[in-house]
């Protein structure tokens, strides 16, 4: 009797593991929303900003745009937010815009974070994660460097130093000349 029960438990456990593994694999490796790559057109979005205004990617047509996906739960994201602020200050009089898209965190969490770091560049809210899905994100931070024609120059997955951000912005701005 115990041997039959043990076999049933093992079969059930294997079934759960197989179904769970399939579901996780399907989620991680789904190609329904592949991450856009260099040369692709950046997907359009319309998101509410911390400033209370709706920002669309098309609002910045003709400008180079850095689109950074971030969250306060992500240490590399938190580290690079002040680095993006320095870049924003450096390039604010040029043909560049920096947009930071928060990944569905609460108003309280985001507003507290913004007060702590005194960020001036547009912080947008992807509250339903629709933009995150359109961009096919798999890890954070992920940053898209978008040329003035709306095509992606580069996608960088992971945290960056101020120097790495600056180097990529310089390259991006050279494409506008």
N, C-alpha and C. Protein backbone atom coordinates (compact mmCIF):
# COMPACT_ATOMS: atom_id res chain seq x y z
N UNK A 1 0.81 -1.19 0.00
CA UNK A 1 0.00 0.00 0.00
C UNK A 1 0.87 1.27 0.00
N UNK A 2 1.89 1.30 0.89
CA UNK A 2 2.78 2.47 0.95
C UNK A 2 3.55 2.63 -0.35
N UNK A 3 3.93 1.54 -0.96
CA UNK A 3 4.69 1.58 -2.21
C UNK A 3 3.83 2.17 -3.33
N UNK A 4 2.57 1.83 -3.41
CA UNK A 4 1.67 2.37 -4.43
C UNK A 4 1.46 3.88 -4.20
N UNK A 5 1.28 4.26 -2.95
CA UNK A 5 1.10 5.68 -2.61
C UNK A 5 2.36 6.47 -2.99
N UNK A 6 3.52 5.93 -2.70
CA UNK A 6 4.80 6.58 -3.01
C UNK A 6 4.93 6.78 -4.52
N UNK A 7 4.56 5.76 -5.31
CA UNK A 7 4.63 5.87 -6.78
C UNK A 7 3.70 6.96 -7.28
N UNK A 8 2.50 7.03 -6.72
CA UNK A 8 1.54 8.07 -7.13
C UNK A 8 2.08 9.45 -6.79
N UNK A 9 2.68 9.60 -5.62
CA UNK A 9 3.25 10.89 -5.22
C UNK A 9 4.37 11.30 -6.17
N UNK A 10 5.21 10.34 -6.55
CA UNK A 10 6.31 10.64 -7.48
C UNK A 10 5.77 11.06 -8.84
N UNK A 11 4.76 10.35 -9.33
CA UNK A 11 4.16 10.69 -10.63
C UNK A 11 3.54 12.09 -10.58
N UNK A 12 2.83 12.39 -9.50
CA UNK A 12 2.22 13.72 -9.35
C UNK A 12 3.31 14.79 -9.30
N UNK A 13 4.36 14.55 -8.53
CA UNK A 13 5.46 15.51 -8.42
C UNK A 13 6.11 15.74 -9.78
N UNK A 14 6.39 14.68 -10.51
CA UNK A 14 6.98 14.82 -11.85
C UNK A 14 6.05 15.60 -12.78
N UNK A 15 4.76 15.35 -12.69
CA UNK A 15 3.80 16.08 -13.50
C UNK A 15 3.81 17.57 -13.19
N UNK A 16 3.83 17.89 -11.91
CA UNK A 16 3.88 19.30 -11.49
C UNK A 16 5.17 19.95 -11.99
N UNK A 17 6.29 19.27 -11.84
CA UNK A 17 7.57 19.81 -12.30
C UNK A 17 7.57 20.03 -13.81
N UNK A 18 7.06 19.09 -14.56
CA UNK A 18 7.01 19.23 -16.02
C UNK A 18 6.12 20.39 -16.44
N UNK A 19 4.94 20.47 -15.86
CA UNK A 19 4.02 21.55 -16.21
C UNK A 19 4.60 22.90 -15.79
N UNK A 20 5.16 22.96 -14.58
CA UNK A 20 5.78 24.20 -14.11
C UNK A 20 6.96 24.61 -14.97
N UNK A 21 7.80 23.66 -15.31
CA UNK A 21 8.95 23.95 -16.17
C UNK A 21 8.52 24.45 -17.53
N UNK A 22 7.49 23.83 -18.09
CA UNK A 22 6.96 24.25 -19.38
C UNK A 22 6.44 25.69 -19.29
N UNK A 23 5.69 26.00 -18.24
CA UNK A 23 5.11 27.34 -18.08
C UNK A 23 6.20 28.39 -17.92
N UNK A 24 7.20 28.09 -17.11
CA UNK A 24 8.30 29.03 -16.91
C UNK A 24 9.07 29.24 -18.21
N UNK A 25 9.38 28.16 -18.89
CA UNK A 25 10.10 28.25 -20.16
C UNK A 25 9.32 29.03 -21.20
N UNK A 26 8.02 28.81 -21.25
CA UNK A 26 7.16 29.51 -22.20
C UNK A 26 7.17 31.01 -21.91
N UNK A 27 7.16 31.36 -20.63
CA UNK A 27 7.18 32.77 -20.24
C UNK A 27 8.52 33.42 -20.56
N UNK A 28 9.60 32.76 -20.19
CA UNK A 28 10.93 33.34 -20.39
C UNK A 28 11.35 33.39 -21.85
N UNK A 29 10.94 32.41 -22.62
CA UNK A 29 11.44 32.32 -23.98
C UNK A 29 10.35 32.50 -25.02
N UNK A 30 9.24 33.11 -24.62
CA UNK A 30 8.16 33.35 -25.57
C UNK A 30 8.62 34.34 -26.62
N UNK A 31 8.31 34.06 -27.87
CA UNK A 31 8.69 35.00 -28.90
C UNK A 31 7.50 35.81 -29.37
N UNK A 32 6.44 35.86 -28.57
CA UNK A 32 5.32 36.71 -28.89
C UNK A 32 5.71 38.17 -28.83
N UNK A 33 6.62 38.53 -27.96
CA UNK A 33 7.10 39.90 -27.81
C UNK A 33 8.62 39.89 -27.79
N UNK A 34 9.23 39.68 -28.94
CA UNK A 34 10.69 39.68 -28.94
C UNK A 34 11.21 41.08 -28.64
N UNK A 35 12.36 41.14 -28.02
CA UNK A 35 12.96 42.44 -27.71
C UNK A 35 13.37 43.10 -29.03
N UNK A 36 12.96 44.35 -29.24
CA UNK A 36 13.39 45.04 -30.46
C UNK A 36 14.92 45.16 -30.47
N UNK A 37 15.49 45.12 -31.64
CA UNK A 37 16.95 45.17 -31.79
C UNK A 37 17.35 46.38 -32.63
N UNK A 38 18.65 46.62 -32.70
CA UNK A 38 19.18 47.73 -33.50
C UNK A 38 18.62 47.64 -34.91
N UNK A 39 18.15 48.78 -35.40
CA UNK A 39 17.57 48.85 -36.74
C UNK A 39 16.06 48.78 -36.74
N UNK A 40 15.46 48.19 -35.69
CA UNK A 40 14.00 48.13 -35.59
C UNK A 40 13.46 49.51 -35.21
N UNK A 41 12.21 49.73 -35.55
CA UNK A 41 11.53 50.94 -35.09
C UNK A 41 11.14 50.73 -33.63
N UNK A 42 11.40 51.72 -32.80
CA UNK A 42 11.04 51.63 -31.39
C UNK A 42 9.51 51.64 -31.27
N UNK A 43 8.94 50.72 -30.50
CA UNK A 43 7.47 50.69 -30.35
C UNK A 43 6.94 51.98 -29.72
N UNK A 44 5.83 52.46 -30.26
CA UNK A 44 5.18 53.67 -29.75
C UNK A 44 4.53 53.39 -28.40
N UNK A 45 4.52 54.38 -27.54
CA UNK A 45 3.84 54.26 -26.25
C UNK A 45 3.26 55.61 -25.87
N UNK A 46 2.30 55.59 -24.98
CA UNK A 46 1.73 56.79 -24.38
C UNK A 46 1.59 56.48 -22.90
N UNK A 47 2.39 57.17 -22.08
CA UNK A 47 2.42 56.88 -20.64
C UNK A 47 2.29 58.17 -19.83
N UNK A 48 1.66 58.05 -18.69
CA UNK A 48 1.53 59.18 -17.77
C UNK A 48 2.86 59.39 -17.08
N UNK A 49 3.29 60.64 -17.05
CA UNK A 49 4.54 60.99 -16.39
C UNK A 49 4.31 61.41 -14.96
N UNK A 50 5.37 61.40 -14.18
CA UNK A 50 5.29 61.87 -12.80
C UNK A 50 4.91 63.35 -12.75
N UNK A 51 5.09 64.05 -13.89
CA UNK A 51 4.72 65.45 -13.99
C UNK A 51 3.22 65.64 -14.25
N UNK A 52 2.47 64.54 -14.39
CA UNK A 52 1.03 64.61 -14.63
C UNK A 52 0.65 64.68 -16.10
N UNK A 53 1.62 64.75 -17.00
CA UNK A 53 1.35 64.82 -18.43
C UNK A 53 1.53 63.45 -19.09
N UNK A 54 0.82 63.25 -20.20
CA UNK A 54 1.00 62.04 -20.99
C UNK A 54 2.14 62.28 -21.96
N UNK A 55 3.07 61.33 -22.01
CA UNK A 55 4.22 61.42 -22.90
C UNK A 55 4.12 60.27 -23.90
N UNK A 56 4.26 60.62 -25.18
CA UNK A 56 4.30 59.60 -26.23
C UNK A 56 5.69 59.64 -26.85
N UNK A 57 6.16 58.49 -27.28
CA UNK A 57 7.46 58.46 -27.94
C UNK A 57 7.44 59.38 -29.16
N UNK A 58 6.33 59.41 -29.87
CA UNK A 58 6.23 60.25 -31.08
C UNK A 58 6.31 61.75 -30.76
N UNK A 59 6.10 62.13 -29.49
CA UNK A 59 6.27 63.54 -29.10
C UNK A 59 7.71 64.00 -29.33
N UNK A 60 8.62 63.06 -29.38
CA UNK A 60 10.04 63.38 -29.46
C UNK A 60 10.61 63.08 -30.85
N UNK A 61 9.73 62.95 -31.84
CA UNK A 61 10.17 62.68 -33.21
C UNK A 61 11.15 63.78 -33.64
N UNK A 62 12.24 63.36 -34.26
CA UNK A 62 13.27 64.31 -34.68
C UNK A 62 14.34 64.53 -33.62
N UNK A 63 14.15 63.93 -32.44
CA UNK A 63 15.15 64.01 -31.37
C UNK A 63 15.72 62.63 -31.11
N UNK A 64 16.94 62.59 -30.66
CA UNK A 64 17.52 61.34 -30.15
C UNK A 64 16.88 61.11 -28.78
N UNK A 65 16.52 59.84 -28.50
CA UNK A 65 15.83 59.54 -27.24
C UNK A 65 16.48 58.34 -26.57
N UNK A 66 16.72 58.47 -25.27
CA UNK A 66 17.19 57.36 -24.45
C UNK A 66 15.98 56.91 -23.64
N UNK A 67 15.58 55.64 -23.81
CA UNK A 67 14.43 55.09 -23.08
C UNK A 67 14.98 54.04 -22.13
N UNK A 68 14.89 54.34 -20.83
CA UNK A 68 15.44 53.46 -19.79
C UNK A 68 14.30 52.86 -18.97
N UNK A 69 14.23 51.52 -18.93
CA UNK A 69 13.25 50.82 -18.11
C UNK A 69 13.90 50.49 -16.77
N UNK A 70 13.22 50.85 -15.67
CA UNK A 70 13.83 50.73 -14.36
C UNK A 70 12.77 50.43 -13.29
N UNK A 71 13.28 50.07 -12.11
CA UNK A 71 12.43 49.88 -10.95
C UNK A 71 13.24 50.11 -9.68
N UNK A 72 12.57 50.55 -8.62
CA UNK A 72 13.28 50.80 -7.36
C UNK A 72 13.75 49.50 -6.72
N UNK A 73 13.18 48.38 -7.14
CA UNK A 73 13.54 47.05 -6.62
C UNK A 73 14.82 46.52 -7.23
N UNK A 74 15.38 47.24 -8.18
CA UNK A 74 16.52 46.78 -8.98
C UNK A 74 17.76 47.61 -8.62
N UNK A 75 18.73 47.04 -7.87
CA UNK A 75 19.91 47.82 -7.47
C UNK A 75 20.67 48.49 -8.62
N UNK A 76 20.92 47.81 -9.76
CA UNK A 76 21.61 48.52 -10.85
C UNK A 76 20.78 49.68 -11.41
N UNK A 77 19.46 49.54 -11.38
CA UNK A 77 18.58 50.64 -11.84
C UNK A 77 18.75 51.85 -10.93
N UNK A 78 18.70 51.61 -9.64
CA UNK A 78 18.81 52.68 -8.65
C UNK A 78 20.17 53.37 -8.79
N UNK A 79 21.20 52.59 -9.01
CA UNK A 79 22.56 53.15 -9.14
C UNK A 79 22.68 54.05 -10.36
N UNK A 80 22.03 53.68 -11.48
CA UNK A 80 22.23 54.46 -12.69
C UNK A 80 21.28 55.65 -12.84
N UNK A 81 20.23 55.74 -12.03
CA UNK A 81 19.31 56.87 -12.16
C UNK A 81 20.01 58.22 -11.96
N UNK A 82 20.85 58.39 -10.92
CA UNK A 82 21.59 59.65 -10.80
C UNK A 82 22.58 59.87 -11.96
N UNK A 83 23.08 58.78 -12.54
CA UNK A 83 23.99 58.90 -13.69
C UNK A 83 23.22 59.46 -14.90
N UNK A 84 21.98 59.01 -15.07
CA UNK A 84 21.15 59.56 -16.14
C UNK A 84 20.83 61.03 -15.87
N UNK A 85 20.65 61.41 -14.59
CA UNK A 85 20.42 62.82 -14.26
C UNK A 85 21.61 63.67 -14.68
N UNK A 86 22.83 63.20 -14.42
CA UNK A 86 24.02 63.94 -14.85
C UNK A 86 24.05 64.09 -16.36
N UNK A 87 23.68 63.03 -17.07
CA UNK A 87 23.66 63.10 -18.53
C UNK A 87 22.56 64.04 -19.01
N UNK A 88 21.43 64.02 -18.34
CA UNK A 88 20.33 64.93 -18.68
C UNK A 88 20.81 66.39 -18.56
N UNK A 89 21.49 66.69 -17.46
CA UNK A 89 22.00 68.05 -17.26
C UNK A 89 23.03 68.41 -18.32
N UNK A 90 23.88 67.48 -18.65
CA UNK A 90 24.94 67.73 -19.64
C UNK A 90 24.36 67.99 -21.03
N UNK A 91 23.34 67.23 -21.42
CA UNK A 91 22.85 67.27 -22.80
C UNK A 91 21.50 67.98 -22.97
N UNK A 92 20.99 68.65 -21.92
CA UNK A 92 19.62 69.18 -22.00
C UNK A 92 19.43 70.25 -23.07
N UNK A 93 20.49 70.89 -23.51
CA UNK A 93 20.37 71.91 -24.56
C UNK A 93 20.65 71.32 -25.94
N UNK A 94 20.76 70.01 -26.03
CA UNK A 94 21.02 69.37 -27.33
C UNK A 94 19.73 68.73 -27.84
N UNK A 95 19.84 68.00 -28.92
CA UNK A 95 18.71 67.34 -29.56
C UNK A 95 18.48 65.96 -28.94
N UNK A 96 18.41 65.90 -27.60
CA UNK A 96 18.31 64.63 -26.88
C UNK A 96 17.26 64.71 -25.79
N UNK A 97 16.56 63.60 -25.60
CA UNK A 97 15.63 63.48 -24.47
C UNK A 97 15.90 62.15 -23.77
N UNK A 98 15.84 62.17 -22.45
CA UNK A 98 15.98 60.95 -21.65
C UNK A 98 14.62 60.69 -21.01
N UNK A 99 14.11 59.47 -21.21
CA UNK A 99 12.84 59.06 -20.63
C UNK A 99 13.09 57.82 -19.79
N UNK A 100 12.64 57.84 -18.54
CA UNK A 100 12.80 56.68 -17.66
C UNK A 100 11.41 56.11 -17.40
N UNK A 101 11.21 54.84 -17.76
CA UNK A 101 9.91 54.20 -17.60
C UNK A 101 9.96 53.26 -16.41
N UNK A 102 9.18 53.60 -15.39
CA UNK A 102 9.10 52.77 -14.19
C UNK A 102 8.18 51.59 -14.44
N UNK A 103 8.57 50.46 -13.90
CA UNK A 103 7.88 49.20 -14.15
C UNK A 103 6.81 48.91 -13.11
N UNK A 104 5.70 49.58 -13.21
CA UNK A 104 4.45 49.32 -12.49
C UNK A 104 4.51 49.38 -10.96
N UNK A 105 5.36 50.21 -10.42
CA UNK A 105 5.39 50.36 -8.97
C UNK A 105 4.34 51.39 -8.53
N UNK A 106 4.02 51.41 -7.25
CA UNK A 106 2.98 52.30 -6.74
C UNK A 106 3.41 53.76 -6.79
N UNK A 107 2.42 54.65 -6.79
CA UNK A 107 2.69 56.09 -6.78
C UNK A 107 3.56 56.47 -5.59
N UNK A 108 3.26 55.92 -4.43
CA UNK A 108 4.01 56.25 -3.21
C UNK A 108 5.48 55.87 -3.35
N UNK A 109 5.76 54.69 -3.85
CA UNK A 109 7.14 54.22 -4.01
C UNK A 109 7.90 55.10 -4.99
N UNK A 110 7.28 55.39 -6.13
CA UNK A 110 7.96 56.19 -7.17
C UNK A 110 8.16 57.62 -6.70
N UNK A 111 7.13 58.25 -6.14
CA UNK A 111 7.29 59.65 -5.71
C UNK A 111 8.32 59.79 -4.59
N UNK A 112 8.36 58.82 -3.70
CA UNK A 112 9.38 58.83 -2.64
C UNK A 112 10.78 58.72 -3.24
N UNK A 113 10.94 57.83 -4.20
CA UNK A 113 12.24 57.65 -4.87
C UNK A 113 12.65 58.94 -5.58
N UNK A 114 11.72 59.58 -6.28
CA UNK A 114 12.04 60.79 -7.03
C UNK A 114 12.45 61.93 -6.09
N UNK A 115 11.79 62.05 -4.96
CA UNK A 115 12.18 63.07 -3.97
C UNK A 115 13.59 62.80 -3.44
N UNK A 116 13.87 61.54 -3.19
CA UNK A 116 15.18 61.17 -2.64
C UNK A 116 16.32 61.52 -3.59
N UNK A 117 16.10 61.32 -4.91
CA UNK A 117 17.18 61.52 -5.87
C UNK A 117 17.08 62.81 -6.66
N UNK A 118 16.01 63.58 -6.48
CA UNK A 118 15.84 64.88 -7.14
C UNK A 118 16.09 64.79 -8.65
N UNK A 119 15.34 63.89 -9.30
CA UNK A 119 15.49 63.68 -10.74
C UNK A 119 14.62 64.67 -11.51
N UNK A 120 15.20 65.26 -12.56
CA UNK A 120 14.50 66.27 -13.35
C UNK A 120 14.00 65.76 -14.69
N UNK A 121 14.57 64.69 -15.20
CA UNK A 121 14.15 64.21 -16.51
C UNK A 121 12.83 63.46 -16.40
N UNK A 122 12.11 63.30 -17.51
CA UNK A 122 10.77 62.68 -17.45
C UNK A 122 10.79 61.24 -16.93
N UNK A 123 9.99 61.02 -15.89
CA UNK A 123 9.81 59.69 -15.31
C UNK A 123 8.38 59.27 -15.67
N UNK A 124 8.26 58.19 -16.43
CA UNK A 124 6.97 57.73 -16.91
C UNK A 124 6.55 56.48 -16.16
N UNK A 125 5.26 56.21 -16.15
CA UNK A 125 4.72 55.10 -15.37
C UNK A 125 4.07 54.07 -16.29
N UNK A 126 4.60 52.87 -16.33
CA UNK A 126 4.04 51.76 -17.11
C UNK A 126 3.22 50.90 -16.15
N UNK A 127 2.10 51.44 -15.68
CA UNK A 127 1.35 50.81 -14.59
C UNK A 127 0.74 49.46 -14.96
N UNK A 128 0.43 49.24 -16.21
CA UNK A 128 -0.15 47.96 -16.61
C UNK A 128 0.85 47.07 -17.34
N UNK A 129 2.09 47.51 -17.39
CA UNK A 129 3.21 46.76 -17.98
C UNK A 129 3.03 46.49 -19.48
N UNK A 130 2.16 47.23 -20.13
CA UNK A 130 1.93 47.04 -21.57
C UNK A 130 3.16 47.45 -22.38
N UNK A 131 3.79 48.55 -21.99
CA UNK A 131 4.98 49.00 -22.71
C UNK A 131 6.13 48.03 -22.49
N UNK A 132 6.26 47.54 -21.27
CA UNK A 132 7.28 46.53 -20.97
C UNK A 132 7.10 45.32 -21.89
N UNK A 133 5.88 44.89 -22.09
CA UNK A 133 5.62 43.73 -22.97
C UNK A 133 5.93 44.07 -24.43
N UNK A 134 5.54 45.28 -24.87
CA UNK A 134 5.83 45.68 -26.26
C UNK A 134 7.32 45.68 -26.54
N UNK A 135 8.10 46.05 -25.53
CA UNK A 135 9.55 46.11 -25.70
C UNK A 135 10.22 44.77 -25.39
N UNK A 136 9.42 43.76 -25.02
CA UNK A 136 9.94 42.41 -24.82
C UNK A 136 10.97 42.29 -23.72
N UNK A 137 10.83 43.07 -22.66
CA UNK A 137 11.85 43.08 -21.61
C UNK A 137 11.93 41.76 -20.87
N UNK A 138 13.17 41.38 -20.55
CA UNK A 138 13.43 40.15 -19.80
C UNK A 138 14.21 40.42 -18.52
N UNK A 139 14.93 41.53 -18.48
CA UNK A 139 15.68 41.88 -17.26
C UNK A 139 15.81 43.40 -17.17
N UNK A 140 16.20 43.86 -15.98
CA UNK A 140 16.24 45.30 -15.71
C UNK A 140 17.58 45.67 -15.11
N UNK A 141 18.07 46.83 -15.39
CA UNK A 141 17.51 47.79 -16.33
C UNK A 141 17.78 47.38 -17.78
N UNK A 142 16.96 47.90 -18.67
CA UNK A 142 17.19 47.76 -20.11
C UNK A 142 17.01 49.15 -20.70
N UNK A 143 17.97 49.55 -21.54
CA UNK A 143 17.97 50.90 -22.09
C UNK A 143 18.03 50.83 -23.61
N UNK A 144 17.15 51.61 -24.25
CA UNK A 144 17.09 51.70 -25.71
C UNK A 144 17.59 53.08 -26.12
N UNK A 145 18.50 53.11 -27.07
CA UNK A 145 19.02 54.36 -27.62
C UNK A 145 18.38 54.52 -28.99
N UNK A 146 17.47 55.50 -29.11
CA UNK A 146 16.63 55.65 -30.29
C UNK A 146 17.06 56.87 -31.10
N UNK A 147 17.31 56.66 -32.38
CA UNK A 147 17.71 57.74 -33.28
C UNK A 147 16.52 58.65 -33.58
N UNK A 148 16.78 59.86 -34.06
CA UNK A 148 15.69 60.80 -34.36
C UNK A 148 14.65 60.26 -35.36
N UNK A 149 15.04 59.29 -36.18
CA UNK A 149 14.07 58.73 -37.14
C UNK A 149 13.21 57.64 -36.50
N UNK A 150 13.40 57.39 -35.19
CA UNK A 150 12.59 56.41 -34.48
C UNK A 150 13.15 54.99 -34.51
N UNK A 151 14.29 54.82 -35.16
CA UNK A 151 14.90 53.50 -35.22
C UNK A 151 15.90 53.34 -34.06
N UNK A 152 16.02 52.13 -33.58
CA UNK A 152 16.90 51.85 -32.45
C UNK A 152 18.35 51.74 -32.92
N UNK A 153 19.22 52.50 -32.27
CA UNK A 153 20.65 52.41 -32.55
C UNK A 153 21.27 51.27 -31.75
N UNK A 154 20.86 51.16 -30.47
CA UNK A 154 21.44 50.14 -29.59
C UNK A 154 20.48 49.83 -28.45
N UNK A 155 20.56 48.59 -27.98
CA UNK A 155 19.84 48.16 -26.78
C UNK A 155 20.90 47.68 -25.80
N UNK A 156 20.86 48.20 -24.58
CA UNK A 156 21.81 47.78 -23.55
C UNK A 156 21.02 47.17 -22.40
N UNK A 157 21.33 45.92 -22.09
CA UNK A 157 20.67 45.23 -20.98
C UNK A 157 21.64 45.18 -19.81
N UNK A 158 21.22 45.73 -18.67
CA UNK A 158 22.07 45.78 -17.48
C UNK A 158 22.36 47.20 -17.09
N UNK A 159 23.01 47.35 -15.94
CA UNK A 159 23.36 48.68 -15.44
C UNK A 159 24.55 49.26 -16.19
N UNK A 160 24.59 50.58 -16.26
CA UNK A 160 25.69 51.28 -16.92
C UNK A 160 26.30 52.32 -15.99
N UNK A 161 27.55 52.60 -16.20
CA UNK A 161 28.22 53.69 -15.50
C UNK A 161 27.93 54.99 -16.25
N UNK A 162 28.26 56.10 -15.64
CA UNK A 162 28.07 57.39 -16.30
C UNK A 162 28.87 57.45 -17.60
N UNK A 163 30.07 56.91 -17.59
CA UNK A 163 30.92 56.91 -18.78
C UNK A 163 30.29 56.09 -19.91
N UNK A 164 29.73 54.94 -19.57
CA UNK A 164 29.09 54.10 -20.59
C UNK A 164 27.86 54.79 -21.18
N UNK A 165 27.10 55.45 -20.33
CA UNK A 165 25.93 56.18 -20.82
C UNK A 165 26.39 57.32 -21.73
N UNK A 166 27.36 58.08 -21.28
CA UNK A 166 27.88 59.21 -22.04
C UNK A 166 28.40 58.78 -23.41
N UNK A 167 29.14 57.70 -23.44
CA UNK A 167 29.69 57.18 -24.71
C UNK A 167 28.56 56.84 -25.69
N UNK A 168 27.53 56.21 -25.20
CA UNK A 168 26.41 55.82 -26.07
C UNK A 168 25.60 57.03 -26.53
N UNK A 169 25.44 58.01 -25.65
CA UNK A 169 24.73 59.23 -26.04
C UNK A 169 25.53 59.98 -27.10
N UNK A 170 26.83 60.07 -26.93
CA UNK A 170 27.65 60.73 -27.95
C UNK A 170 27.50 60.04 -29.31
N UNK A 171 27.53 58.72 -29.30
CA UNK A 171 27.36 57.96 -30.54
C UNK A 171 25.96 58.21 -31.12
N UNK A 172 24.96 58.24 -30.26
CA UNK A 172 23.59 58.48 -30.70
C UNK A 172 23.46 59.87 -31.32
N UNK A 173 24.06 60.87 -30.69
CA UNK A 173 23.96 62.23 -31.21
C UNK A 173 24.73 62.41 -32.52
N UNK A 174 25.77 61.61 -32.72
CA UNK A 174 26.49 61.66 -34.01
C UNK A 174 25.60 61.19 -35.15
N UNK A 175 24.60 60.36 -34.85
CA UNK A 175 23.70 59.90 -35.93
C UNK A 175 22.73 60.99 -36.34
N UNK A 176 22.62 62.06 -35.54
CA UNK A 176 21.70 63.16 -35.88
C UNK A 176 22.38 64.20 -36.75
N UNK A 177 23.69 64.16 -36.81
CA UNK A 177 24.44 65.18 -37.56
C UNK A 177 24.43 64.90 -39.05
